[in-house]
N, C-alpha and C. Protein backbone atom coordinates (compact mmCIF):
# COMPACT_ATOMS: atom_id res chain seq x y z
N MET A 1 0.84 -1.18 0.00
CA MET A 1 0.00 0.00 0.00
C MET A 1 0.88 1.23 0.00
N LYS A 2 0.52 2.21 -0.78
CA LYS A 2 1.27 3.46 -0.75
C LYS A 2 0.41 4.52 -0.09
N SER A 3 1.05 5.45 0.59
CA SER A 3 0.27 6.50 1.22
C SER A 3 0.15 7.67 0.26
N ILE A 4 -0.96 8.37 0.35
CA ILE A 4 -1.18 9.56 -0.47
C ILE A 4 -1.72 10.65 0.43
N SER A 5 -1.56 11.88 0.03
CA SER A 5 -2.11 12.99 0.80
C SER A 5 -3.61 13.02 0.63
N ALA A 6 -4.32 13.25 1.69
CA ALA A 6 -5.78 13.33 1.64
C ALA A 6 -6.19 14.77 1.41
N ALA A 7 -7.50 14.97 1.24
CA ALA A 7 -8.03 16.30 0.97
C ALA A 7 -7.80 17.25 2.14
N LYS A 8 -7.79 16.72 3.35
CA LYS A 8 -7.61 17.57 4.53
C LYS A 8 -6.14 17.60 4.92
N PRO A 9 -5.59 18.80 5.21
CA PRO A 9 -4.18 18.91 5.56
C PRO A 9 -3.84 18.08 6.80
N GLY A 10 -2.65 17.49 6.78
CA GLY A 10 -2.19 16.74 7.92
C GLY A 10 -2.76 15.34 8.02
N ARG A 11 -3.50 14.91 7.02
CA ARG A 11 -4.13 13.59 7.07
C ARG A 11 -3.57 12.73 5.95
N THR A 12 -3.25 11.50 6.25
CA THR A 12 -2.74 10.57 5.25
C THR A 12 -3.70 9.39 5.15
N VAL A 13 -3.99 8.99 3.94
CA VAL A 13 -4.79 7.80 3.70
C VAL A 13 -3.90 6.81 2.94
N TYR A 14 -4.28 5.58 2.90
CA TYR A 14 -3.48 4.57 2.22
C TYR A 14 -4.19 4.12 0.97
N GLU A 15 -3.49 4.20 -0.13
CA GLU A 15 -4.02 3.87 -1.45
C GLU A 15 -3.97 2.36 -1.64
N ARG A 16 -5.14 1.74 -1.82
CA ARG A 16 -5.21 0.30 -2.07
C ARG A 16 -5.74 0.00 -3.46
N ARG A 17 -6.04 1.03 -4.23
CA ARG A 17 -6.63 0.85 -5.55
C ARG A 17 -5.63 0.16 -6.46
N VAL A 18 -6.11 -0.83 -7.19
CA VAL A 18 -5.27 -1.57 -8.12
C VAL A 18 -5.56 -1.14 -9.55
N GLY A 19 -6.84 -1.07 -9.94
CA GLY A 19 -7.22 -0.74 -11.31
C GLY A 19 -7.32 0.75 -11.54
N MET A 20 -7.47 1.10 -12.80
CA MET A 20 -7.68 2.49 -13.18
C MET A 20 -9.09 2.91 -12.79
N ARG A 21 -9.25 4.15 -12.37
CA ARG A 21 -10.58 4.65 -12.06
C ARG A 21 -10.96 5.71 -13.08
N THR A 22 -12.25 5.84 -13.30
CA THR A 22 -12.77 6.80 -14.26
C THR A 22 -13.76 7.70 -13.56
N SER A 23 -13.59 9.01 -13.72
CA SER A 23 -14.54 9.97 -13.16
C SER A 23 -15.77 9.99 -14.03
N LEU A 24 -16.94 9.99 -13.37
CA LEU A 24 -18.20 10.09 -14.09
C LEU A 24 -19.25 10.65 -13.16
N THR A 25 -20.40 10.93 -13.71
CA THR A 25 -21.50 11.46 -12.93
C THR A 25 -22.79 10.80 -13.40
N VAL A 26 -23.20 9.78 -12.66
CA VAL A 26 -24.46 9.11 -12.97
C VAL A 26 -25.17 8.80 -11.66
N PRO A 27 -26.50 8.78 -11.70
CA PRO A 27 -27.24 8.43 -10.48
C PRO A 27 -27.13 6.93 -10.20
N VAL A 28 -27.08 6.60 -8.92
CA VAL A 28 -27.06 5.20 -8.50
C VAL A 28 -27.98 5.03 -7.30
N LEU A 29 -28.34 3.81 -7.03
CA LEU A 29 -29.11 3.48 -5.85
C LEU A 29 -28.23 2.60 -4.99
N ILE A 30 -28.05 2.99 -3.73
CA ILE A 30 -27.23 2.22 -2.80
C ILE A 30 -28.16 1.55 -1.79
N GLU A 31 -28.06 0.23 -1.68
CA GLU A 31 -28.83 -0.49 -0.67
C GLU A 31 -27.95 -0.60 0.57
N THR A 32 -28.42 0.02 1.66
CA THR A 32 -27.67 0.04 2.91
C THR A 32 -28.46 -0.71 3.98
N SER A 33 -27.87 -0.81 5.16
CA SER A 33 -28.57 -1.46 6.27
C SER A 33 -29.78 -0.66 6.71
N ASN A 34 -29.82 0.63 6.37
CA ASN A 34 -30.96 1.49 6.70
C ASN A 34 -31.95 1.61 5.55
N GLY A 35 -31.78 0.80 4.51
CA GLY A 35 -32.67 0.86 3.35
C GLY A 35 -31.97 1.51 2.17
N PRO A 36 -32.67 1.64 1.05
CA PRO A 36 -32.07 2.20 -0.15
C PRO A 36 -31.91 3.72 -0.06
N CYS A 37 -30.87 4.24 -0.70
CA CYS A 37 -30.69 5.69 -0.77
C CYS A 37 -30.15 6.05 -2.15
N SER A 38 -30.55 7.20 -2.63
CA SER A 38 -30.06 7.71 -3.91
C SER A 38 -28.68 8.31 -3.71
N ALA A 39 -27.85 8.18 -4.72
CA ALA A 39 -26.49 8.72 -4.65
C ALA A 39 -26.04 9.10 -6.05
N ARG A 40 -24.88 9.74 -6.10
CA ARG A 40 -24.25 10.09 -7.37
C ARG A 40 -22.92 9.36 -7.45
N LEU A 41 -22.74 8.61 -8.51
CA LEU A 41 -21.49 7.90 -8.74
C LEU A 41 -20.46 8.91 -9.24
N CYS A 42 -19.37 9.07 -8.51
CA CYS A 42 -18.35 10.07 -8.87
C CYS A 42 -17.19 9.46 -9.63
N ASN A 43 -16.79 8.25 -9.24
CA ASN A 43 -15.79 7.54 -10.02
C ASN A 43 -15.98 6.05 -9.85
N LEU A 44 -15.44 5.31 -10.80
CA LEU A 44 -15.67 3.87 -10.85
C LEU A 44 -14.42 3.18 -11.37
N SER A 45 -14.10 2.06 -10.76
CA SER A 45 -13.05 1.19 -11.26
C SER A 45 -13.54 -0.24 -11.13
N GLU A 46 -12.76 -1.17 -11.59
CA GLU A 46 -13.16 -2.57 -11.48
C GLU A 46 -13.26 -2.98 -10.01
N GLY A 47 -12.50 -2.34 -9.14
CA GLY A 47 -12.45 -2.74 -7.73
C GLY A 47 -13.32 -1.95 -6.78
N GLY A 48 -13.87 -0.82 -7.23
CA GLY A 48 -14.66 -0.02 -6.29
C GLY A 48 -15.20 1.25 -6.91
N ALA A 49 -15.80 2.06 -6.05
CA ALA A 49 -16.44 3.29 -6.52
C ALA A 49 -16.41 4.34 -5.42
N MET A 50 -16.48 5.60 -5.84
CA MET A 50 -16.71 6.69 -4.91
C MET A 50 -18.08 7.24 -5.22
N VAL A 51 -18.90 7.39 -4.17
CA VAL A 51 -20.24 7.92 -4.34
C VAL A 51 -20.44 9.13 -3.44
N GLU A 52 -21.35 10.00 -3.86
CA GLU A 52 -21.75 11.15 -3.05
C GLU A 52 -23.21 10.93 -2.67
N THR A 53 -23.49 11.02 -1.38
CA THR A 53 -24.85 10.84 -0.90
C THR A 53 -25.06 11.71 0.34
N HIS A 54 -26.30 12.02 0.62
CA HIS A 54 -26.62 12.81 1.81
C HIS A 54 -26.99 11.92 2.99
N VAL A 55 -26.92 10.61 2.78
CA VAL A 55 -27.19 9.65 3.85
C VAL A 55 -25.85 9.08 4.30
N PRO A 56 -25.46 9.31 5.54
CA PRO A 56 -24.16 8.79 5.98
C PRO A 56 -24.11 7.26 5.95
N MET A 57 -22.96 6.75 5.55
CA MET A 57 -22.73 5.31 5.56
C MET A 57 -21.59 5.04 6.53
N LYS A 58 -21.61 3.90 7.16
CA LYS A 58 -20.60 3.56 8.16
C LYS A 58 -19.49 2.73 7.54
N ILE A 59 -18.27 3.04 7.93
CA ILE A 59 -17.13 2.25 7.47
C ILE A 59 -17.34 0.80 7.92
N GLY A 60 -17.15 -0.12 7.00
CA GLY A 60 -17.34 -1.53 7.27
C GLY A 60 -18.74 -2.03 6.94
N GLU A 61 -19.66 -1.11 6.64
CA GLU A 61 -21.03 -1.48 6.31
C GLU A 61 -21.08 -2.18 4.96
N HIS A 62 -21.85 -3.26 4.87
CA HIS A 62 -22.06 -3.96 3.61
C HIS A 62 -23.16 -3.25 2.84
N VAL A 63 -22.91 -2.98 1.55
CA VAL A 63 -23.85 -2.26 0.70
C VAL A 63 -23.93 -2.96 -0.66
N VAL A 64 -24.94 -2.58 -1.42
CA VAL A 64 -25.06 -3.01 -2.82
C VAL A 64 -25.20 -1.75 -3.66
N VAL A 65 -24.35 -1.61 -4.67
CA VAL A 65 -24.38 -0.48 -5.58
C VAL A 65 -25.14 -0.90 -6.83
N ASN A 66 -26.26 -0.24 -7.11
CA ASN A 66 -27.07 -0.53 -8.29
C ASN A 66 -26.94 0.64 -9.27
N CYS A 67 -26.39 0.33 -10.43
CA CYS A 67 -26.14 1.36 -11.43
C CYS A 67 -26.28 0.73 -12.81
N GLY A 68 -27.35 1.07 -13.51
CA GLY A 68 -27.55 0.47 -14.83
C GLY A 68 -27.61 -1.04 -14.70
N SER A 69 -26.73 -1.73 -15.41
CA SER A 69 -26.72 -3.19 -15.38
C SER A 69 -25.85 -3.75 -14.25
N ILE A 70 -25.27 -2.88 -13.43
CA ILE A 70 -24.41 -3.31 -12.33
C ILE A 70 -25.20 -3.41 -11.04
N ALA A 71 -25.02 -4.52 -10.34
CA ALA A 71 -25.47 -4.68 -8.96
C ALA A 71 -24.29 -5.29 -8.23
N ALA A 72 -23.46 -4.43 -7.61
CA ALA A 72 -22.20 -4.88 -7.02
C ALA A 72 -22.26 -4.82 -5.50
N ASP A 73 -21.98 -5.97 -4.88
CA ASP A 73 -21.87 -6.03 -3.42
C ASP A 73 -20.52 -5.46 -3.03
N GLY A 74 -20.50 -4.74 -1.90
CA GLY A 74 -19.24 -4.19 -1.44
C GLY A 74 -19.31 -3.76 0.00
N VAL A 75 -18.21 -3.16 0.45
CA VAL A 75 -18.07 -2.68 1.82
C VAL A 75 -17.60 -1.23 1.77
N VAL A 76 -18.17 -0.41 2.65
CA VAL A 76 -17.74 0.99 2.74
C VAL A 76 -16.33 1.01 3.34
N ALA A 77 -15.37 1.47 2.55
CA ALA A 77 -13.96 1.48 2.96
C ALA A 77 -13.59 2.78 3.67
N TRP A 78 -14.24 3.88 3.26
CA TRP A 78 -13.98 5.17 3.90
C TRP A 78 -15.19 6.06 3.71
N GLU A 79 -15.27 7.07 4.54
CA GLU A 79 -16.38 8.03 4.50
C GLU A 79 -15.85 9.37 4.95
N GLU A 80 -16.17 10.41 4.19
CA GLU A 80 -15.77 11.77 4.56
C GLU A 80 -16.76 12.76 3.96
N ASP A 81 -17.34 13.58 4.83
CA ASP A 81 -18.37 14.53 4.43
C ASP A 81 -19.50 13.76 3.75
N ASN A 82 -19.84 14.10 2.53
CA ASN A 82 -20.92 13.41 1.82
C ASN A 82 -20.41 12.32 0.88
N PHE A 83 -19.13 11.99 0.97
CA PHE A 83 -18.52 11.03 0.05
C PHE A 83 -18.15 9.74 0.77
N SER A 84 -18.30 8.64 0.04
CA SER A 84 -17.91 7.32 0.57
C SER A 84 -17.20 6.53 -0.51
N GLY A 85 -16.21 5.77 -0.10
CA GLY A 85 -15.53 4.85 -0.99
C GLY A 85 -16.03 3.44 -0.72
N ILE A 86 -16.39 2.75 -1.77
CA ILE A 86 -16.92 1.40 -1.64
C ILE A 86 -15.97 0.44 -2.36
N GLU A 87 -15.52 -0.56 -1.63
CA GLU A 87 -14.66 -1.59 -2.21
C GLU A 87 -15.55 -2.78 -2.55
N PHE A 88 -15.57 -3.17 -3.82
CA PHE A 88 -16.42 -4.27 -4.25
C PHE A 88 -15.89 -5.61 -3.75
N ASP A 89 -16.81 -6.52 -3.45
CA ASP A 89 -16.42 -7.87 -3.02
C ASP A 89 -15.71 -8.62 -4.13
N ARG A 90 -16.17 -8.41 -5.36
CA ARG A 90 -15.56 -9.02 -6.54
C ARG A 90 -15.35 -7.94 -7.58
N PRO A 91 -14.24 -7.99 -8.31
CA PRO A 91 -14.01 -6.97 -9.34
C PRO A 91 -15.09 -6.99 -10.40
N LEU A 92 -15.44 -5.81 -10.89
CA LEU A 92 -16.37 -5.70 -12.01
C LEU A 92 -15.67 -6.11 -13.30
N ASP A 93 -16.44 -6.58 -14.23
CA ASP A 93 -15.93 -6.87 -15.56
C ASP A 93 -15.59 -5.55 -16.24
N GLU A 94 -14.48 -5.48 -16.94
CA GLU A 94 -14.07 -4.23 -17.58
C GLU A 94 -15.10 -3.74 -18.59
N ASN A 95 -15.88 -4.64 -19.19
CA ASN A 95 -16.93 -4.24 -20.12
C ASN A 95 -18.06 -3.51 -19.39
N GLU A 96 -18.37 -3.93 -18.16
CA GLU A 96 -19.38 -3.24 -17.36
C GLU A 96 -18.93 -1.82 -17.04
N VAL A 97 -17.66 -1.67 -16.69
CA VAL A 97 -17.12 -0.33 -16.41
C VAL A 97 -17.22 0.53 -17.67
N ALA A 98 -16.87 -0.02 -18.82
CA ALA A 98 -16.94 0.72 -20.08
C ALA A 98 -18.37 1.15 -20.38
N ARG A 99 -19.36 0.26 -20.12
CA ARG A 99 -20.76 0.63 -20.35
C ARG A 99 -21.19 1.80 -19.48
N GLN A 100 -20.72 1.84 -18.23
CA GLN A 100 -21.09 2.93 -17.34
C GLN A 100 -20.44 4.24 -17.77
N ILE A 101 -19.25 4.16 -18.34
CA ILE A 101 -18.59 5.36 -18.86
C ILE A 101 -19.42 5.92 -20.02
N LEU A 102 -19.85 5.04 -20.92
CA LEU A 102 -20.69 5.48 -22.05
C LEU A 102 -22.00 6.08 -21.53
N ARG A 103 -22.59 5.46 -20.52
CA ARG A 103 -23.83 5.97 -19.93
C ARG A 103 -23.60 7.36 -19.34
N SER A 104 -22.49 7.54 -18.64
CA SER A 104 -22.18 8.84 -18.05
C SER A 104 -22.00 9.89 -19.13
N ASN A 105 -21.32 9.53 -20.22
CA ASN A 105 -21.13 10.48 -21.32
C ASN A 105 -22.47 10.86 -21.95
N ALA A 106 -23.38 9.89 -22.07
CA ALA A 106 -24.70 10.17 -22.65
C ALA A 106 -25.49 11.10 -21.74
N VAL A 107 -25.42 10.87 -20.42
CA VAL A 107 -26.12 11.73 -19.46
C VAL A 107 -25.57 13.15 -19.54
N ALA A 108 -24.25 13.29 -19.59
CA ALA A 108 -23.64 14.62 -19.68
C ALA A 108 -24.03 15.32 -20.97
N HIS A 109 -24.05 14.60 -22.08
CA HIS A 109 -24.44 15.19 -23.36
C HIS A 109 -25.89 15.65 -23.33
N ARG A 110 -26.77 14.82 -22.75
CA ARG A 110 -28.19 15.18 -22.66
C ARG A 110 -28.39 16.43 -21.79
N ARG A 111 -27.67 16.51 -20.67
CA ARG A 111 -27.78 17.70 -19.81
C ARG A 111 -27.30 18.95 -20.53
N GLN A 112 -26.22 18.80 -21.28
CA GLN A 112 -25.67 19.95 -22.01
C GLN A 112 -26.67 20.39 -23.09
N ALA A 113 -27.28 19.47 -23.78
CA ALA A 113 -28.25 19.81 -24.81
C ALA A 113 -29.48 20.51 -24.21
N MET A 114 -29.93 20.01 -23.05
CA MET A 114 -31.09 20.62 -22.39
C MET A 114 -30.76 22.05 -21.93
N ALA A 115 -29.57 22.24 -21.40
CA ALA A 115 -29.15 23.57 -20.94
C ALA A 115 -29.04 24.53 -22.12
N SER A 116 -28.53 24.03 -23.23
CA SER A 116 -28.39 24.86 -24.42
C SER A 116 -29.77 25.27 -24.96
N ALA A 117 -30.70 24.31 -24.99
CA ALA A 117 -32.06 24.59 -25.47
C ALA A 117 -32.79 25.57 -24.55
N ALA A 118 -32.54 25.46 -23.25
CA ALA A 118 -33.22 26.33 -22.28
C ALA A 118 -32.72 27.77 -22.37
N SER A 119 -31.46 27.95 -22.81
CA SER A 119 -30.90 29.30 -22.87
C SER A 119 -31.28 30.05 -24.15
N LYS A 120 -31.97 29.37 -25.06
CA LYS A 120 -32.38 30.03 -26.33
C LYS A 120 -33.67 30.75 -26.18
């Protein structure tokens, strides 16, 4: 494990990520011990994801990330402010990650088109 600087000064976290991660913005549903909650997928790799949600999740909590064709079991590895890192129990197939990237690009394109149409 290598250490990296965290967002907050004076804090070190340990990098355990093995695969490449991709930044994206798509809605997801997280099944937690307190029930389902809506979230925003911020980045995704074969081994895990970072999500933004207004419902706090506990480190070590078992969750299921539902996003498009993905339903991935995992554990909350870290939590800070409204963000949580989820480590998947099993790596995702690289084709599933690619599909979510395409989905994110389509969502971004649709939002941009709607914003452009609204400004006319």
